């Protein structure tokens, strides 16, 4: 994941980077808790992680009865795939636990 972060940093300006080792233990609820604790000055957060945890987290943040959930479920999470989620109804990171995200984009480098 650090190698991936380095590649992304070469292409984009990322103002702050934080390495959170808790992402590696597979506790998806803890990762969502960490997101909910983020300062609202951050409008966008990029999470880089390994499967299956990162994929399961994305599935957990989307309404499981939505077309977005079906779309994620059909595609799986191939290496280097980027899923963009929008929590438009949430006015604060604290609210993401009670808000379902909408998938705004899926970038698959294989396509």
C-alpha atoms as a PDB file:
ATOM      1  CA  UNK A   1       0.000   0.000   0.000  1.00  0.00           C
ATOM      2  CA  UNK A   2       2.905   2.367   0.635  1.00  0.00           C
ATOM      3  CA  UNK A   3       4.188   1.734  -2.890  1.00  0.00           C
ATOM      4  CA  UNK A   4       0.728   2.520  -4.240  1.00  0.00           C
ATOM      5  CA  UNK A   5       0.589   5.694  -2.144  1.00  0.00           C
ATOM      6  CA  UNK A   6       3.981   6.750  -3.544  1.00  0.00           C
ATOM      7  CA  UNK A   7       2.732   6.282  -7.118  1.00  0.00           C
ATOM      8  CA  UNK A   8      -0.405   8.290  -6.403  1.00  0.00           C
ATOM      9  CA  UNK A   9       1.646  11.065  -4.789  1.00  0.00           C
ATOM     10  CA  UNK A  10       3.693  11.369  -7.976  1.00  0.00           C
ATOM     11  CA  UNK A  11       0.502  12.170  -9.918  1.00  0.00           C
ATOM     12  CA  UNK A  12      -1.538  14.206  -7.428  1.00  0.00           C
ATOM     13  CA  UNK A  13      -0.922  16.759  -4.737  1.00  0.00           C
ATOM     14  CA  UNK A  14      -1.899  15.158  -1.448  1.00  0.00           C
ATOM     15  CA  UNK A  15      -1.717  17.685   1.396  1.00  0.00           C
ATOM     16  CA  UNK A  16      -1.635  15.218   4.291  1.00  0.00           C
ATOM     17  CA  UNK A  17      -0.822  11.541   4.544  1.00  0.00           C
ATOM     18  CA  UNK A  18      -1.492   9.405   7.548  1.00  0.00           C
ATOM     19  CA  UNK A  19      -0.506   5.760   7.810  1.00  0.00           C
ATOM     20  CA  UNK A  20      -3.041   3.873   9.887  1.00  0.00           C
ATOM     21  CA  UNK A  21      -1.833   0.388  10.659  1.00  0.00           C
ATOM     22  CA  UNK A  22      -5.288  -0.564  11.950  1.00  0.00           C
ATOM     23  CA  UNK A  23      -6.351  -0.909   8.315  1.00  0.00           C
ATOM     24  CA  UNK A  24      -4.316  -4.098   8.134  1.00  0.00           C
ATOM     25  CA  UNK A  25      -6.152  -6.067  10.799  1.00  0.00           C
ATOM     26  CA  UNK A  26      -9.327  -6.397   8.763  1.00  0.00           C
ATOM     27  CA  UNK A  27     -11.624  -4.743  11.298  1.00  0.00           C
ATOM     28  CA  UNK A  28     -13.912  -2.944   8.856  1.00  0.00           C
ATOM     29  CA  UNK A  29     -16.033  -1.368  11.595  1.00  0.00           C
ATOM     30  CA  UNK A  30     -12.898   0.160  13.153  1.00  0.00           C
ATOM     31  CA  UNK A  31     -11.919   1.689   9.814  1.00  0.00           C
ATOM     32  CA  UNK A  32     -15.389   3.211   9.464  1.00  0.00           C
ATOM     33  CA  UNK A  33     -15.030   4.521  13.033  1.00  0.00           C
ATOM     34  CA  UNK A  34     -11.703   6.109  12.044  1.00  0.00           C
ATOM     35  CA  UNK A  35     -13.378   7.794   9.066  1.00  0.00           C
ATOM     36  CA  UNK A  36     -16.139   9.098  11.314  1.00  0.00           C
ATOM     37  CA  UNK A  37     -13.476  10.648  13.576  1.00  0.00           C
ATOM     38  CA  UNK A  38     -11.897  12.702  10.776  1.00  0.00           C
ATOM     39  CA  UNK A  39     -11.855  16.483  10.892  1.00  0.00           C
ATOM     40  CA  UNK A  40     -14.524  18.026   8.675  1.00  0.00           C
ATOM     41  CA  UNK A  41     -11.885  20.256   7.059  1.00  0.00           C
ATOM     42  CA  UNK A  42     -11.163  17.192   4.901  1.00  0.00           C
ATOM     43  CA  UNK A  43     -13.738  17.064   2.117  1.00  0.00           C
ATOM     44  CA  UNK A  44     -12.075  14.089   0.410  1.00  0.00           C
ATOM     45  CA  UNK A  45     -10.285  11.125   1.931  1.00  0.00           C
ATOM     46  CA  UNK A  46      -8.379   8.501  -0.023  1.00  0.00           C
ATOM     47  CA  UNK A  47      -8.015   5.092   1.598  1.00  0.00           C
ATOM     48  CA  UNK A  48      -5.494   2.674   0.180  1.00  0.00           C
ATOM     49  CA  UNK A  49      -5.726  -0.875   1.430  1.00  0.00           C
ATOM     50  CA  UNK A  50      -5.628  -4.548   0.657  1.00  0.00           C
ATOM     51  CA  UNK A  51      -8.388  -6.928  -0.257  1.00  0.00           C
ATOM     52  CA  UNK A  52     -10.689  -8.297   0.798  1.00  0.00           C
ATOM     53  CA  UNK A  53     -10.974  -5.667   3.538  1.00  0.00           C
ATOM     54  CA  UNK A  54     -11.075  -2.542   1.385  1.00  0.00           C
ATOM     55  CA  UNK A  55     -13.684  -4.105  -0.909  1.00  0.00           C
ATOM     56  CA  UNK A  56     -15.826  -5.282   2.005  1.00  0.00           C
ATOM     57  CA  UNK A  57     -15.633  -1.829   3.531  1.00  0.00           C
ATOM     58  CA  UNK A  58     -16.863  -0.248   0.279  1.00  0.00           C
ATOM     59  CA  UNK A  59     -19.731  -2.737   0.173  1.00  0.00           C
ATOM     60  CA  UNK A  60     -20.555  -1.924   3.796  1.00  0.00           C
ATOM     61  CA  UNK A  61     -20.793   1.799   3.076  1.00  0.00           C
ATOM     62  CA  UNK A  62     -23.266   1.397   0.199  1.00  0.00           C
ATOM     63  CA  UNK A  63     -26.958   0.504   0.566  1.00  0.00           C
ATOM     64  CA  UNK A  64     -27.118  -3.254   0.015  1.00  0.00           C
ATOM     65  CA  UNK A  65     -30.437  -2.879  -1.838  1.00  0.00           C
ATOM     66  CA  UNK A  66     -29.093  -0.344  -4.346  1.00  0.00           C
ATOM     67  CA  UNK A  67     -27.846  -0.628  -7.901  1.00  0.00           C
ATOM     68  CA  UNK A  68     -24.487   0.663  -6.624  1.00  0.00           C
ATOM     69  CA  UNK A  69     -24.193  -2.367  -4.356  1.00  0.00           C
ATOM     70  CA  UNK A  70     -25.039  -4.673  -7.266  1.00  0.00           C
ATOM     71  CA  UNK A  71     -22.484  -2.854  -9.432  1.00  0.00           C
ATOM     72  CA  UNK A  72     -19.736  -3.268  -6.812  1.00  0.00           C
ATOM     73  CA  UNK A  73     -20.716  -6.859  -6.187  1.00  0.00           C
ATOM     74  CA  UNK A  74     -20.543  -7.718  -9.903  1.00  0.00           C
ATOM     75  CA  UNK A  75     -17.183  -6.052 -10.466  1.00  0.00           C
ATOM     76  CA  UNK A  76     -15.257  -7.375  -7.448  1.00  0.00           C
ATOM     77  CA  UNK A  77     -12.140  -5.466  -6.447  1.00  0.00           C
ATOM     78  CA  UNK A  78      -9.265  -6.101  -8.787  1.00  0.00           C
ATOM     79  CA  UNK A  79      -5.784  -4.729  -7.966  1.00  0.00           C
ATOM     80  CA  UNK A  80      -5.441  -0.947  -8.392  1.00  0.00           C
ATOM     81  CA  UNK A  81      -9.196  -0.410  -8.769  1.00  0.00           C
ATOM     82  CA  UNK A  82     -10.482   2.896  -7.442  1.00  0.00           C
ATOM     83  CA  UNK A  83     -14.009   3.262  -6.117  1.00  0.00           C
ATOM     84  CA  UNK A  84     -15.285   6.777  -5.481  1.00  0.00           C
ATOM     85  CA  UNK A  85     -18.022   7.066  -2.886  1.00  0.00           C
ATOM     86  CA  UNK A  86     -20.100  10.166  -2.204  1.00  0.00           C
ATOM     87  CA  UNK A  87     -21.734  10.732   1.173  1.00  0.00           C
ATOM     88  CA  UNK A  88     -23.654  13.740  -0.149  1.00  0.00           C
ATOM     89  CA  UNK A  89     -26.349  13.507   2.505  1.00  0.00           C
ATOM     90  CA  UNK A  90     -23.792  13.679   5.330  1.00  0.00           C
ATOM     91  CA  UNK A  91     -22.728  17.116   6.498  1.00  0.00           C
ATOM     92  CA  UNK A  92     -19.985  15.704   8.714  1.00  0.00           C
ATOM     93  CA  UNK A  93     -17.713  12.656   8.742  1.00  0.00           C
ATOM     94  CA  UNK A  94     -19.429  11.688  11.996  1.00  0.00           C
ATOM     95  CA  UNK A  95     -22.597  11.006  10.009  1.00  0.00           C
ATOM     96  CA  UNK A  96     -21.186   8.387   7.636  1.00  0.00           C
ATOM     97  CA  UNK A  97     -22.078   5.558   9.993  1.00  0.00           C
ATOM     98  CA  UNK A  98     -25.753   6.410   9.477  1.00  0.00           C
ATOM     99  CA  UNK A  99     -25.528   7.480   5.822  1.00  0.00           C
ATOM    100  CA  UNK A 100     -25.219   5.186   2.837  1.00  0.00           C
ATOM    101  CA  UNK A 101     -22.827   6.249   0.089  1.00  0.00           C
ATOM    102  CA  UNK A 102     -23.474   6.519  -3.621  1.00  0.00           C
ATOM    103  CA  UNK A 103     -20.856   5.131  -6.024  1.00  0.00           C
ATOM    104  CA  UNK A 104     -19.881   8.025  -8.270  1.00  0.00           C
ATOM    105  CA  UNK A 105     -17.089   6.311 -10.189  1.00  0.00           C
ATOM    106  CA  UNK A 106     -15.217   3.054 -10.551  1.00  0.00           C
ATOM    107  CA  UNK A 107     -11.834   3.177 -12.219  1.00  0.00           C
ATOM    108  CA  UNK A 108     -10.468  -0.180 -13.296  1.00  0.00           C
ATOM    109  CA  UNK A 109      -6.967   0.032 -14.773  1.00  0.00           C
ATOM    110  CA  UNK A 110      -7.555  -3.224 -16.673  1.00  0.00           C
ATOM    111  CA  UNK A 111     -10.260  -1.616 -18.808  1.00  0.00           C
END
